Structure formats: C-alpha cells, structure tokens
Amino acid sequence: MARVKKGVTARQRHKKVLALTKGQRATRHSLYRRAHESMMHSLSYAYAHRRERKSDMRALWITRINAACHANGVSYSTFIASLKTGGVDLNRKILADIAVREPDVFAELVKQCQVARVEEAK
C-alpha cells in the first residue's frame, strides 16, 4: 500500500478553521487546537441562537406594542383581544413597526379598537 502524505489537506483544513475564528481573541484565532475548540462552540451557539432569535424578536415586538398601548391608555391584552374581535389581521411584527414609526396611525388603530370594544359590549 502506498504511503499517503497529508500535509496539503491538513493545511487546508487548518486554514479553513483559522479563517472561521478570525475575529477571536488571543490564541483562539491563531493556534489550531484552540481555534478548533472555539469554532465548534461558536457553531453550536450560532445554531441554537438562530432559533432563540425568533422568540427574542417576538418578545421585543410585544414590548413595543405594550408601550405604545399604554401611551394610548389601553392595555396590551385588551388591545390584542379587540383586534381579534374587530377582524384586524395584523401580526405583532407589523404592529410593532407601526407603533415605532407611525405613532399617530397606531393611535387611530387603538381608537378603532376601543370603538369596536364598546359596540361589542352593547
């Protein structure tokens, strides 16, 4: 069986790992063994946090909507419930964007929901 020298492939593999850890501090970007450990942790964190980011963003949207609702004198839960009964089909991402960028439009939306809530109570 012929002898296989792995210098070229090892160097390519090492360069790939060192390129992935380029922004790391100290030896985590320059020594292969430390860089490989760092890369493995980083990739696992990135995988997990891609899923976590979805719930983080939803929590941020809810916080923004809640703040805008309280500024207009209504609670978040009441606002969302009246949106559902009023048949307004806007998701939390869009509502949060409206609340931040166009507060006057959001205030009109709150007023519509309050009117719908009063009519529903009758």
PDB file of N, CA and C in Angstrom:
ATOM      1  N   MET A   1       0.842  -1.187   0.000  1.00  0.00           N
ATOM      2  CA  MET A   1       0.000   0.000   0.000  1.00  0.00           C
ATOM      3  C   MET A   1       0.881   1.242   0.000  1.00  0.00           C
ATOM      4  N   ALA A   2       0.490   2.214  -0.784  1.00  0.00           N
ATOM      5  CA  ALA A   2       1.289   3.420  -0.915  1.00  0.00           C
ATOM      6  C   ALA A   2       1.135   4.311   0.304  1.00  0.00           C
ATOM      7  N   ARG A   3       2.166   5.052   0.590  1.00  0.00           N
ATOM      8  CA  ARG A   3       2.152   5.984   1.709  1.00  0.00           C
ATOM      9  C   ARG A   3       1.389   7.244   1.308  1.00  0.00           C
ATOM     10  N   VAL A   4       0.522   7.715   2.201  1.00  0.00           N
ATOM     11  CA  VAL A   4      -0.252   8.923   1.922  1.00  0.00           C
ATOM     12  C   VAL A   4       0.266  10.035   2.808  1.00  0.00           C
ATOM     13  N   LYS A   5       0.707  11.093   2.171  1.00  0.00           N
ATOM     14  CA  LYS A   5       1.150  12.267   2.936  1.00  0.00           C
ATOM     15  C   LYS A   5      -0.010  13.246   2.988  1.00  0.00           C
ATOM     16  N   LYS A   6      -0.271  13.787   4.165  1.00  0.00           N
ATOM     17  CA  LYS A   6      -1.471  14.618   4.314  1.00  0.00           C
ATOM     18  C   LYS A   6      -1.174  16.086   4.590  1.00  0.00           C
ATOM     19  N   GLY A   7       0.011  16.527   4.217  1.00  0.00           N
ATOM     20  CA  GLY A   7       0.398  17.900   4.501  1.00  0.00           C
ATOM     21  C   GLY A   7      -0.518  18.927   3.858  1.00  0.00           C
ATOM     22  N   VAL A   8      -0.872  18.720   2.608  1.00  0.00           N
ATOM     23  CA  VAL A   8      -1.690  19.684   1.875  1.00  0.00           C
ATOM     24  C   VAL A   8      -3.107  19.722   2.449  1.00  0.00           C
ATOM     25  N   THR A   9      -3.698  18.551   2.662  1.00  0.00           N
ATOM     26  CA  THR A   9      -5.068  18.516   3.176  1.00  0.00           C
ATOM     27  C   THR A   9      -5.141  19.035   4.605  1.00  0.00           C
ATOM     28  N   ALA A  10      -4.144  18.716   5.411  1.00  0.00           N
ATOM     29  CA  ALA A  10      -4.127  19.212   6.794  1.00  0.00           C
ATOM     30  C   ALA A  10      -4.019  20.734   6.795  1.00  0.00           C
ATOM     31  N   ARG A  11      -3.161  21.265   5.944  1.00  0.00           N
ATOM     32  CA  ARG A  11      -3.006  22.718   5.887  1.00  0.00           C
ATOM     33  C   ARG A  11      -4.300  23.389   5.444  1.00  0.00           C
ATOM     34  N   GLN A  12      -4.979  22.798   4.474  1.00  0.00           N
ATOM     35  CA  GLN A  12      -6.253  23.358   4.015  1.00  0.00           C
ATOM     36  C   GLN A  12      -7.284  23.345   5.138  1.00  0.00           C
ATOM     37  N   ARG A  13      -7.337  22.234   5.862  1.00  0.00           N
ATOM     38  CA  ARG A  13      -8.291  22.128   6.957  1.00  0.00           C
ATOM     39  C   ARG A  13      -7.974  23.148   8.049  1.00  0.00           C
ATOM     40  N   HIS A  14      -6.689  23.283   8.371  1.00  0.00           N
ATOM     41  CA  HIS A  14      -6.284  24.247   9.391  1.00  0.00           C
ATOM     42  C   HIS A  14      -6.606  25.673   8.959  1.00  0.00           C
ATOM     43  N   LYS A  15      -6.341  25.992   7.697  1.00  0.00           N
ATOM     44  CA  LYS A  15      -6.620  27.339   7.212  1.00  0.00           C
ATOM     45  C   LYS A  15      -8.117  27.654   7.263  1.00  0.00           C
ATOM     46  N   LYS A  16      -8.939  26.626   6.955  1.00  0.00           N
ATOM     47  CA  LYS A  16     -10.383  26.820   6.982  1.00  0.00           C
ATOM     48  C   LYS A  16     -10.852  27.129   8.410  1.00  0.00           C
ATOM     49  N   VAL A  17     -10.326  26.399   9.389  1.00  0.00           N
ATOM     50  CA  VAL A  17     -10.703  26.624  10.791  1.00  0.00           C
ATOM     51  C   VAL A  17     -10.205  27.988  11.256  1.00  0.00           C
ATOM     52  N   LEU A  18      -8.978  28.329  10.919  1.00  0.00           N
ATOM     53  CA  LEU A  18      -8.422  29.613  11.345  1.00  0.00           C
ATOM     54  C   LEU A  18      -9.162  30.782  10.686  1.00  0.00           C
ATOM     55  N   ALA A  19      -9.658  30.575   9.479  1.00  0.00           N
ATOM     56  CA  ALA A  19     -10.446  31.629   8.827  1.00  0.00           C
ATOM     57  C   ALA A  19     -11.781  31.821   9.540  1.00  0.00           C
ATOM     58  N   LEU A  20     -12.384  30.731  10.029  1.00  0.00           N
ATOM     59  CA  LEU A  20     -13.661  30.835  10.738  1.00  0.00           C
ATOM     60  C   LEU A  20     -13.527  31.527  12.089  1.00  0.00           C
ATOM     61  N   THR A  21     -12.328  31.464  12.676  1.00  0.00           N
ATOM     62  CA  THR A  21     -12.132  32.064  14.007  1.00  0.00           C
ATOM     63  C   THR A  21     -11.362  33.375  13.914  1.00  0.00           C
ATOM     64  N   LYS A  22     -11.481  34.053  12.799  1.00  0.00           N
ATOM     65  CA  LYS A  22     -10.674  35.241  12.534  1.00  0.00           C
ATOM     66  C   LYS A  22     -10.855  36.357  13.560  1.00  0.00           C
ATOM     67  N   GLY A  23     -12.057  36.571  14.059  1.00  0.00           N
ATOM     68  CA  GLY A  23     -12.285  37.690  14.967  1.00  0.00           C
ATOM     69  C   GLY A  23     -12.059  37.381  16.432  1.00  0.00           C
ATOM     70  N   GLN A  24     -11.618  36.182  16.752  1.00  0.00           N
ATOM     71  CA  GLN A  24     -11.460  35.764  18.148  1.00  0.00           C
ATOM     72  C   GLN A  24     -10.238  36.411  18.782  1.00  0.00           C
ATOM     73  N   ARG A  25     -10.212  36.403  20.122  1.00  0.00           N
ATOM     74  CA  ARG A  25      -9.095  36.994  20.861  1.00  0.00           C
ATOM     75  C   ARG A  25      -8.014  35.964  21.137  1.00  0.00           C
ATOM     76  N   ALA A  26      -6.816  36.468  21.407  1.00  0.00           N
ATOM     77  CA  ALA A  26      -5.668  35.696  21.894  1.00  0.00           C
ATOM     78  C   ALA A  26      -5.361  34.505  20.981  1.00  0.00           C
ATOM     79  N   THR A  27      -5.156  33.325  21.576  1.00  0.00           N
ATOM     80  CA  THR A  27      -4.745  32.180  20.760  1.00  0.00           C
ATOM     81  C   THR A  27      -5.921  31.506  20.070  1.00  0.00           C
ATOM     82  N   ARG A  28      -7.135  31.966  20.346  1.00  0.00           N
ATOM     83  CA  ARG A  28      -8.310  31.321  19.763  1.00  0.00           C
ATOM     84  C   ARG A  28      -8.400  31.545  18.255  1.00  0.00           C
ATOM     85  N   HIS A  29      -7.623  32.472  17.728  1.00  0.00           N
ATOM     86  CA  HIS A  29      -7.639  32.690  16.283  1.00  0.00           C
ATOM     87  C   HIS A  29      -6.325  32.307  15.620  1.00  0.00           C
ATOM     88  N   SER A  30      -5.327  31.903  16.408  1.00  0.00           N
ATOM     89  CA  SER A  30      -4.026  31.652  15.799  1.00  0.00           C
ATOM     90  C   SER A  30      -3.514  30.229  15.991  1.00  0.00           C
ATOM     91  N   LEU A  31      -3.847  29.574  17.089  1.00  0.00           N
ATOM     92  CA  LEU A  31      -3.407  28.193  17.305  1.00  0.00           C
ATOM     93  C   LEU A  31      -4.535  27.244  16.905  1.00  0.00           C
ATOM     94  N   TYR A  32      -4.186  26.242  16.111  1.00  0.00           N
ATOM     95  CA  TYR A  32      -5.224  25.390  15.526  1.00  0.00           C
ATOM     96  C   TYR A  32      -6.080  24.709  16.588  1.00  0.00           C
ATOM     97  N   ARG A  33      -5.460  24.113  17.581  1.00  0.00           N
ATOM     98  CA  ARG A  33      -6.235  23.335  18.547  1.00  0.00           C
ATOM     99  C   ARG A  33      -7.211  24.226  19.313  1.00  0.00           C
ATOM    100  N   ARG A  34      -6.738  25.384  19.754  1.00  0.00           N
ATOM    101  CA  ARG A  34      -7.618  26.329  20.466  1.00  0.00           C
ATOM    102  C   ARG A  34      -8.691  26.875  19.509  1.00  0.00           C
ATOM    103  N   ALA A  35      -8.269  27.134  18.285  1.00  0.00           N
ATOM    104  CA  ALA A  35      -9.205  27.669  17.294  1.00  0.00           C
ATOM    105  C   ALA A  35     -10.293  26.644  16.971  1.00  0.00           C
ATOM    106  N   HIS A  36      -9.930  25.390  16.906  1.00  0.00           N
ATOM    107  CA  HIS A  36     -10.915  24.351  16.596  1.00  0.00           C
ATOM    108  C   HIS A  36     -11.950  24.252  17.716  1.00  0.00           C
ATOM    109  N   GLU A  37     -11.511  24.287  18.961  1.00  0.00           N
ATOM    110  CA  GLU A  37     -12.439  24.279  20.103  1.00  0.00           C
ATOM    111  C   GLU A  37     -13.384  25.475  20.018  1.00  0.00           C
ATOM    112  N   SER A  38     -12.794  26.628  19.776  1.00  0.00           N
ATOM    113  CA  SER A  38     -13.566  27.858  19.694  1.00  0.00           C
ATOM    114  C   SER A  38     -14.578  27.800  18.556  1.00  0.00           C
ATOM    115  N   MET A  39     -14.171  27.283  17.429  1.00  0.00           N
ATOM    116  CA  MET A  39     -15.048  27.174  16.272  1.00  0.00           C
ATOM    117  C   MET A  39     -16.222  26.236  16.564  1.00  0.00           C
ATOM    118  N   MET A  40     -15.950  25.108  17.194  1.00  0.00           N
ATOM    119  CA  MET A  40     -17.015  24.150  17.494  1.00  0.00           C
ATOM    120  C   MET A  40     -18.047  24.766  18.439  1.00  0.00           C
ATOM    121  N   HIS A  41     -17.581  25.481  19.465  1.00  0.00           N
ATOM    122  CA  HIS A  41     -18.507  26.150  20.376  1.00  0.00           C
ATOM    123  C   HIS A  41     -19.296  27.230  19.641  1.00  0.00           C
ATOM    124  N   SER A  42     -18.600  28.014  18.837  1.00  0.00           N
ATOM    125  CA  SER A  42     -19.255  29.109  18.123  1.00  0.00           C
ATOM    126  C   SER A  42     -20.344  28.599  17.193  1.00  0.00           C
ATOM    127  N   LEU A  43     -20.060  27.522  16.483  1.00  0.00           N
ATOM    128  CA  LEU A  43     -21.044  26.990  15.547  1.00  0.00           C
ATOM    129  C   LEU A  43     -22.258  26.419  16.280  1.00  0.00           C
ATOM    130  N   SER A  44     -22.029  25.800  17.438  1.00  0.00           N
ATOM    131  CA  SER A  44     -23.170  25.261  18.180  1.00  0.00           C
ATOM    132  C   SER A  44     -24.008  26.386  18.766  1.00  0.00           C
ATOM    133  N   TYR A  45     -23.353  27.448  19.247  1.00  0.00           N
ATOM    134  CA  TYR A  45     -24.101  28.604  19.760  1.00  0.00           C
ATOM    135  C   TYR A  45     -24.903  29.257  18.638  1.00  0.00           C
ATOM    136  N   ALA A  46     -24.294  29.378  17.470  1.00  0.00           N
ATOM    137  CA  ALA A  46     -24.977  30.013  16.342  1.00  0.00           C
ATOM    138  C   ALA A  46     -26.215  29.215  15.953  1.00  0.00           C
ATOM    139  N   TYR A  47     -26.103  27.899  15.971  1.00  0.00           N
ATOM    140  CA  TYR A  47     -27.242  27.044  15.616  1.00  0.00           C
ATOM    141  C   TYR A  47     -28.375  27.225  16.617  1.00  0.00           C
ATOM    142  N   ALA A  48     -28.037  27.187  17.891  1.00  0.00           N
ATOM    143  CA  ALA A  48     -29.065  27.307  18.930  1.00  0.00           C
ATOM    144  C   ALA A  48     -29.690  28.693  18.926  1.00  0.00           C
ATOM    145  N   HIS A  49     -28.889  29.715  18.759  1.00  0.00           N
ATOM    146  CA  HIS A  49     -29.392  31.075  18.875  1.00  0.00           C
ATOM    147  C   HIS A  49     -30.144  31.538  17.639  1.00  0.00           C
ATOM    148  N   ARG A  50     -29.974  30.836  16.514  1.00  0.00           N
ATOM    149  CA  ARG A  50     -30.824  31.142  15.366  1.00  0.00           C
ATOM    150  C   ARG A  50     -32.276  30.845  15.706  1.00  0.00           C
ATOM    151  N   ARG A  51     -32.491  29.833  16.527  1.00  0.00           N
ATOM    152  CA  ARG A  51     -33.850  29.500  16.943  1.00  0.00           C
ATOM    153  C   ARG A  51     -34.325  30.416  18.069  1.00  0.00           C
ATOM    154  N   GLU A  52     -33.401  30.764  18.955  1.00  0.00           N
ATOM    155  CA  GLU A  52     -33.755  31.656  20.072  1.00  0.00           C
ATOM    156  C   GLU A  52     -34.123  33.048  19.590  1.00  0.00           C
ATOM    157  N   ARG A  53     -33.487  33.480  18.498  1.00  0.00           N
ATOM    158  CA  ARG A  53     -33.712  34.827  17.993  1.00  0.00           C
ATOM    159  C   ARG A  53     -35.179  35.070  17.657  1.00  0.00           C
ATOM    160  N   LYS A  54     -35.870  34.015  17.209  1.00  0.00           N
ATOM    161  CA  LYS A  54     -37.277  34.158  16.858  1.00  0.00           C
ATOM    162  C   LYS A  54     -38.102  34.582  18.066  1.00  0.00           C
ATOM    163  N   SER A  55     -37.890  33.920  19.205  1.00  0.00           N
ATOM    164  CA  SER A  55     -38.660  34.277  20.408  1.00  0.00           C
ATOM    165  C   SER A  55     -38.194  35.607  20.974  1.00  0.00           C
ATOM    166  N   ASP A  56     -36.899  35.916  20.830  1.00  0.00           N
ATOM    167  CA  ASP A  56     -36.404  37.219  21.291  1.00  0.00           C
ATOM    168  C   ASP A  56     -37.078  38.354  20.528  1.00  0.00           C
ATOM    169  N   MET A  57     -37.195  38.192  19.217  1.00  0.00           N
ATOM    170  CA  MET A  57     -37.821  39.233  18.404  1.00  0.00           C
ATOM    171  C   MET A  57     -39.298  39.379  18.748  1.00  0.00           C
ATOM    172  N   ARG A  58     -39.987  38.261  18.953  1.00  0.00           N
ATOM    173  CA  ARG A  58     -41.403  38.327  19.313  1.00  0.00           C
ATOM    174  C   ARG A  58     -41.583  39.058  20.643  1.00  0.00           C
ATOM    175  N   ALA A  59     -40.699  38.786  21.601  1.00  0.00           N
ATOM    176  CA  ALA A  59     -40.766  39.471  22.896  1.00  0.00           C
ATOM    177  C   ALA A  59     -40.533  40.973  22.727  1.00  0.00           C
ATOM    178  N   LEU A  60     -39.610  41.349  21.848  1.00  0.00           N
ATOM    179  CA  LEU A  60     -39.346  42.760  21.584  1.00  0.00           C
ATOM    180  C   LEU A  60     -40.563  43.436  20.964  1.00  0.00           C
ATOM    181  N   TRP A  61     -41.197  42.760  19.999  1.00  0.00           N
ATOM    182  CA  TRP A  61     -42.388  43.327  19.360  1.00  0.00           C
ATOM    183  C   TRP A  61     -43.495  43.535  20.390  1.00  0.00           C
ATOM    184  N   ILE A  62     -43.700  42.545  21.251  1.00  0.00           N
ATOM    185  CA  ILE A  62     -44.751  42.646  22.257  1.00  0.00           C
ATOM    186  C   ILE A  62     -44.463  43.797  23.215  1.00  0.00           C
ATOM    187  N   THR A  63     -43.201  43.972  23.598  1.00  0.00           N
ATOM    188  CA  THR A  63     -42.821  45.073  24.484  1.00  0.00           C
ATOM    189  C   THR A  63     -43.105  46.417  23.834  1.00  0.00           C
ATOM    190  N   ARG A  64     -42.778  46.544  22.555  1.00  0.00           N
ATOM    191  CA  ARG A  64     -43.019  47.812  21.844  1.00  0.00           C
ATOM    192  C   ARG A  64     -44.511  48.104  21.710  1.00  0.00           C
ATOM    193  N   ILE A  65     -45.282  47.071  21.386  1.00  0.00           N
ATOM    194  CA  ILE A  65     -46.729  47.259  21.266  1.00  0.00           C
ATOM    195  C   ILE A  65     -47.317  47.638  22.621  1.00  0.00           C
ATOM    196  N   ASN A  66     -46.866  46.969  23.671  1.00  0.00           N
ATOM    197  CA  ASN A  66     -47.348  47.240  25.024  1.00  0.00           C
ATOM    198  C   ASN A  66     -47.071  48.685  25.423  1.00  0.00           C
ATOM    199  N   ALA A  67     -45.865  49.166  25.134  1.00  0.00           N
ATOM    200  CA  ALA A  67     -45.514  50.549  25.471  1.00  0.00           C
ATOM    201  C   ALA A  67     -46.405  51.532  24.712  1.00  0.00           C
ATOM    202  N   ALA A  68     -46.636  51.257  23.427  1.00  0.00           N
ATOM    203  CA  ALA A  68     -47.481  52.146  22.624  1.00  0.00           C
ATOM    204  C   ALA A  68     -48.934  52.094  23.101  1.00  0.00           C
ATOM    205  N   CYS A  69     -49.389  50.905  23.493  1.00  0.00           N
ATOM    206  CA  CYS A  69     -50.762  50.770  24.005  1.00  0.00           C
ATOM    207  C   CYS A  69     -50.931  51.580  25.282  1.00  0.00           C
ATOM    208  N   HIS A  70     -50.001  51.458  26.202  1.00  0.00           N
ATOM    209  CA  HIS A  70     -50.097  52.192  27.463  1.00  0.00           C
ATOM    210  C   HIS A  70     -50.006  53.699  27.244  1.00  0.00           C
ATOM    211  N   ALA A  71     -49.258  54.118  26.223  1.00  0.00           N
ATOM    212  CA  ALA A  71     -49.185  55.534  25.897  1.00  0.00           C
ATOM    213  C   ALA A  71     -50.538  56.043  25.392  1.00  0.00           C
ATOM    214  N   ASN A  72     -51.335  55.126  24.836  1.00  0.00           N
ATOM    215  CA  ASN A  72     -52.659  55.489  24.341  1.00  0.00           C
ATOM    216  C   ASN A  72     -53.776  55.095  25.305  1.00  0.00           C
ATOM    217  N   GLY A  73     -53.422  54.675  26.498  1.00  0.00           N
ATOM    218  CA  GLY A  73     -54.404  54.433  27.553  1.00  0.00           C
ATOM    219  C   GLY A  73     -55.153  53.116  27.469  1.00  0.00           C
ATOM    220  N   VAL A  74     -54.529  52.097  26.914  1.00  0.00           N
ATOM    221  CA  VAL A  74     -55.176  50.783  26.855  1.00  0.00           C
ATOM    222  C   VAL A  74     -54.114  49.719  27.151  1.00  0.00           C
ATOM    223  N   SER A  75     -54.540  48.594  27.692  1.00  0.00           N
ATOM    224  CA  SER A  75     -53.566  47.541  27.988  1.00  0.00           C
ATOM    225  C   SER A  75     -53.316  46.699  26.743  1.00  0.00           C
ATOM    226  N   TYR A  76     -52.209  45.998  26.755  1.00  0.00           N
ATOM    227  CA  TYR A  76     -51.818  45.168  25.612  1.00  0.00           C
ATOM    228  C   TYR A  76     -52.847  44.076  25.353  1.00  0.00           C
ATOM    229  N   SER A  77     -53.244  43.389  26.409  1.00  0.00           N
ATOM    230  CA  SER A  77     -54.160  42.254  26.236  1.00  0.00           C
ATOM    231  C   SER A  77     -55.516  42.714  25.700  1.00  0.00           C
ATOM    232  N   THR A  78     -55.986  43.843  26.202  1.00  0.00           N
ATOM    233  CA  THR A  78     -57.257  44.387  25.713  1.00  0.00           C
ATOM    234  C   THR A  78     -57.140  44.769  24.240  1.00  0.00           C
ATOM    235  N   PHE A  79     -56.029  45.374  23.888  1.00  0.00           N
ATOM    236  CA  PHE A  79     -55.796  45.797  22.510  1.00  0.00           C
ATOM    237  C   PHE A  79     -55.777  44.600  21.568  1.00  0.00           C
ATOM    238  N   ILE A  80     -55.032  43.565  21.924  1.00  0.00           N
ATOM    239  CA  ILE A  80     -54.925  42.381  21.070  1.00  0.00           C
ATOM    240  C   ILE A  80     -56.280  41.677  20.953  1.00  0.00           C
ATOM    241  N   ALA A  81     -56.993  41.587  22.070  1.00  0.00           N
ATOM    242  CA  ALA A  81     -58.312  40.938  22.041  1.00  0.00           C
ATOM    243  C   ALA A  81     -59.274  41.707  21.147  1.00  0.00           C
ATOM    244  N   SER A  82     -59.260  43.038  21.246  1.00  0.00           N
ATOM    245  CA  SER A  82     -60.173  43.828  20.419  1.00  0.00           C
ATOM    246  C   SER A  82     -59.761  43.793  18.943  1.00  0.00           C
ATOM    247  N   LEU A  83     -58.474  43.643  18.669  1.00  0.00           N
ATOM    248  CA  LEU A  83     -58.038  43.472  17.277  1.00  0.00           C
ATOM    249  C   LEU A  83     -58.616  42.183  16.695  1.00  0.00           C
ATOM    250  N   LYS A  84     -58.552  41.131  17.498  1.00  0.00           N
ATOM    251  CA  LYS A  84     -59.059  39.834  17.027  1.00  0.00           C
ATOM    252  C   LYS A  84     -60.567  39.875  16.798  1.00  0.00           C
ATOM    253  N   THR A  85     -61.303  40.468  17.744  1.00  0.00           N
ATOM    254  CA  THR A  85     -62.760  40.538  17.578  1.00  0.00           C
ATOM    255  C   THR A  85     -63.146  41.502  16.465  1.00  0.00           C
ATOM    256  N   GLY A  86     -62.320  42.533  16.267  1.00  0.00           N
ATOM    257  CA  GLY A  86     -62.591  43.502  15.211  1.00  0.00           C
ATOM    258  C   GLY A  86     -62.225  43.003  13.828  1.00  0.00           C
ATOM    259  N   GLY A  87     -61.548  41.866  13.769  1.00  0.00           N
ATOM    260  CA  GLY A  87     -61.184  41.287  12.479  1.00  0.00           C
ATOM    261  C   GLY A  87     -59.975  41.931  11.827  1.00  0.00           C
ATOM    262  N   VAL A  88     -59.162  42.627  12.608  1.00  0.00           N
ATOM    263  CA  VAL A  88     -57.949  43.243  12.066  1.00  0.00           C
ATOM    264  C   VAL A  88     -56.863  42.174  12.042  1.00  0.00           C
ATOM    265  N   ASP A  89     -56.329  41.910  10.858  1.00  0.00           N
ATOM    266  CA  ASP A  89     -55.358  40.835  10.688  1.00  0.00           C
ATOM    267  C   ASP A  89     -53.945  41.400  10.528  1.00  0.00           C
ATOM    268  N   LEU A  90     -53.401  41.970  11.584  1.00  0.00           N
ATOM    269  CA  LEU A  90     -52.021  42.458  11.569  1.00  0.00           C
ATOM    270  C   LEU A  90     -51.228  41.654  12.589  1.00  0.00           C
ATOM    271  N   ASN A  91     -50.070  41.170  12.174  1.00  0.00           N
ATOM    272  CA  ASN A  91     -49.260  40.417  13.122  1.00  0.00           C
ATOM    273  C   ASN A  91     -48.465  41.359  14.016  1.00  0.00           C
ATOM    274  N   ARG A  92     -47.821  40.807  15.023  1.00  0.00           N
ATOM    275  CA  ARG A  92     -47.132  41.621  16.025  1.00  0.00           C
ATOM    276  C   ARG A  92     -45.939  42.365  15.435  1.00  0.00           C
ATOM    277  N   LYS A  93     -45.292  41.781  14.438  1.00  0.00           N
ATOM    278  CA  LYS A  93     -44.162  42.452  13.795  1.00  0.00           C
ATOM    279  C   LYS A  93     -44.614  43.755  13.140  1.00  0.00           C
ATOM    280  N   ILE A  94     -45.695  43.697  12.404  1.00  0.00           N
ATOM    281  CA  ILE A  94     -46.217  44.880  11.710  1.00  0.00           C
ATOM    282  C   ILE A  94     -46.737  45.894  12.721  1.00  0.00           C
ATOM    283  N   LEU A  95     -47.449  45.418  13.748  1.00  0.00           N
ATOM    284  CA  LEU A  95     -47.973  46.327  14.774  1.00  0.00           C
ATOM    285  C   LEU A  95     -46.840  47.068  15.483  1.00  0.00           C
ATOM    286  N   ALA A  96     -45.767  46.354  15.807  1.00  0.00           N
ATOM    287  CA  ALA A  96     -44.625  46.987  16.474  1.00  0.00           C
ATOM    288  C   ALA A  96     -43.975  48.024  15.564  1.00  0.00           C
ATOM    289  N   ASP A  97     -43.878  47.717  14.283  1.00  0.00           N
ATOM    290  CA  ASP A  97     -43.295  48.653  13.329  1.00  0.00           C
ATOM    291  C   ASP A  97     -44.151  49.914  13.219  1.00  0.00           C
ATOM    292  N   ILE A  98     -45.461  49.733  13.169  1.00  0.00           N
ATOM    293  CA  ILE A  98     -46.373  50.884  13.116  1.00  0.00           C
ATOM    294  C   ILE A  98     -46.248  51.706  14.400  1.00  0.00           C
ATOM    295  N   ALA A  99     -46.179  51.019  15.539  1.00  0.00           N
ATOM    296  CA  ALA A  99     -46.093  51.711  16.826  1.00  0.00           C
ATOM    297  C   ALA A  99     -44.841  52.571  16.925  1.00  0.00           C
ATOM    298  N   VAL A 100     -43.736  52.094  16.364  1.00  0.00           N
ATOM    299  CA  VAL A 100     -42.471  52.835  16.456  1.00  0.00           C
ATOM    300  C   VAL A 100     -42.384  53.930  15.397  1.00  0.00           C
ATOM    301  N   ARG A 101     -42.714  53.598  14.158  1.00  0.00           N
ATOM    302  CA  ARG A 101     -42.506  54.540  13.053  1.00  0.00           C
ATOM    303  C   ARG A 101     -43.654  55.528  12.853  1.00  0.00           C
ATOM    304  N   GLU A 102     -44.886  55.089  13.132  1.00  0.00           N
ATOM    305  CA  GLU A 102     -46.049  55.951  12.892  1.00  0.00           C
ATOM    306  C   GLU A 102     -46.996  55.909  14.087  1.00  0.00           C
ATOM    307  N   PRO A 103     -46.646  56.628  15.151  1.00  0.00           N
ATOM    308  CA  PRO A 103     -47.459  56.573  16.371  1.00  0.00           C
ATOM    309  C   PRO A 103     -48.879  57.109  16.178  1.00  0.00           C
ATOM    310  N   ASP A 104     -49.068  58.057  15.261  1.00  0.00           N
ATOM    311  CA  ASP A 104     -50.414  58.601  15.040  1.00  0.00           C
ATOM    312  C   ASP A 104     -51.333  57.558  14.389  1.00  0.00           C
ATOM    313  N   VAL A 105     -50.787  56.751  13.489  1.00  0.00           N
ATOM    314  CA  VAL A 105     -51.562  55.679  12.872  1.00  0.00           C
ATOM    315  C   VAL A 105     -51.914  54.631  13.926  1.00  0.00           C
ATOM    316  N   PHE A 106     -50.952  54.345  14.806  1.00  0.00           N
ATOM    317  CA  PHE A 106     -51.204  53.376  15.875  1.00  0.00           C
ATOM    318  C   PHE A 106     -52.295  53.888  16.815  1.00  0.00           C
ATOM    319  N   ALA A 107     -52.267  55.190  17.102  1.00  0.00           N
ATOM    320  CA  ALA A 107     -53.299  55.782  17.963  1.00  0.00           C
ATOM    321  C   ALA A 107     -54.680  55.631  17.327  1.00  0.00           C
ATOM    322  N   GLU A 108     -54.767  55.814  16.007  1.00  0.00           N
ATOM    323  CA  GLU A 108     -56.035  55.618  15.306  1.00  0.00           C
ATOM    324  C   GLU A 108     -56.503  54.164  15.402  1.00  0.00           C
ATOM    325  N   LEU A 109     -55.553  53.255  15.308  1.00  0.00           N
ATOM    326  CA  LEU A 109     -55.868  51.837  15.427  1.00  0.00           C
ATOM    327  C   LEU A 109     -56.419  51.520  16.817  1.00  0.00           C
ATOM    328  N   VAL A 110     -55.822  52.132  17.836  1.00  0.00           N
ATOM    329  CA  VAL A 110     -56.295  51.934  19.215  1.00  0.00           C
ATOM    330  C   VAL A 110     -57.709  52.489  19.365  1.00  0.00           C
ATOM    331  N   LYS A 111     -57.966  53.653  18.780  1.00  0.00           N
ATOM    332  CA  LYS A 111     -59.307  54.244  18.857  1.00  0.00           C
ATOM    333  C   LYS A 111     -60.348  53.351  18.184  1.00  0.00           C
ATOM    334  N   GLN A 112     -60.001  52.812  17.019  1.00  0.00           N
ATOM    335  CA  GLN A 112     -60.910  51.897  16.327  1.00  0.00           C
ATOM    336  C   GLN A 112     -61.216  50.677  17.189  1.00  0.00           C
ATOM    337  N   CYS A 113     -60.204  50.178  17.848  1.00  0.00           N
ATOM    338  CA  CYS A 113     -60.387  49.001  18.693  1.00  0.00           C
ATOM    339  C   CYS A 113     -61.259  49.334  19.906  1.00  0.00           C
ATOM    340  N   GLN A 114     -61.086  50.529  20.467  1.00  0.00           N
ATOM    341  CA  GLN A 114     -61.907  50.931  21.608  1.00  0.00           C
ATOM    342  C   GLN A 114     -63.374  51.085  21.187  1.00  0.00           C
ATOM    343  N   VAL A 115     -63.605  51.630  19.994  1.00  0.00           N
ATOM    344  CA  VAL A 115     -64.968  51.761  19.483  1.00  0.00           C
ATOM    345  C   VAL A 115     -65.570  50.369  19.267  1.00  0.00           C
ATOM    346  N   ALA A 116     -64.792  49.474  18.693  1.00  0.00           N
ATOM    347  CA  ALA A 116     -65.276  48.102  18.462  1.00  0.00           C
ATOM    348  C   ALA A 116     -65.575  47.426  19.793  1.00  0.00           C
ATOM    349  N   ARG A 117     -64.768  47.697  20.802  1.00  0.00           N
ATOM    350  CA  ARG A 117     -64.958  47.089  22.127  1.00  0.00           C
ATOM    351  C   ARG A 117     -66.265  47.606  22.766  1.00  0.00           C
ATOM    352  N   VAL A 118     -66.523  48.913  22.627  1.00  0.00           N
ATOM    353  CA  VAL A 118     -67.740  49.493  23.189  1.00  0.00           C
ATOM    354  C   VAL A 118     -68.965  48.923  22.489  1.00  0.00           C
ATOM    355  N   GLU A 119     -68.905  48.821  21.151  1.00  0.00           N
ATOM    356  CA  GLU A 119     -70.036  48.279  20.389  1.00  0.00           C
ATOM    357  C   GLU A 119     -70.289  46.820  20.727  1.00  0.00           C
ATOM    358  N   GLU A 120     -69.204  46.095  20.981  1.00  0.00           N
ATOM    359  CA  GLU A 120     -69.347  44.679  21.334  1.00  0.00           C
ATOM    360  C   GLU A 120     -70.011  44.520  22.702  1.00  0.00           C
ATOM    361  N   ALA A 121     -69.741  45.425  23.604  1.00  0.00           N
ATOM    362  CA  ALA A 121     -70.307  45.352  24.960  1.00  0.00           C
ATOM    363  C   ALA A 121     -71.822  45.601  24.942  1.00  0.00           C
ATOM    364  N   LYS A 122     -72.304  46.334  23.946  1.00  0.00           N
ATOM    365  CA  LYS A 122     -73.741  46.648  23.884  1.00  0.00           C
ATOM    366  C   LYS A 122     -74.545  45.503  23.450  1.00  0.00           C
TER     367      LYS A 122
END
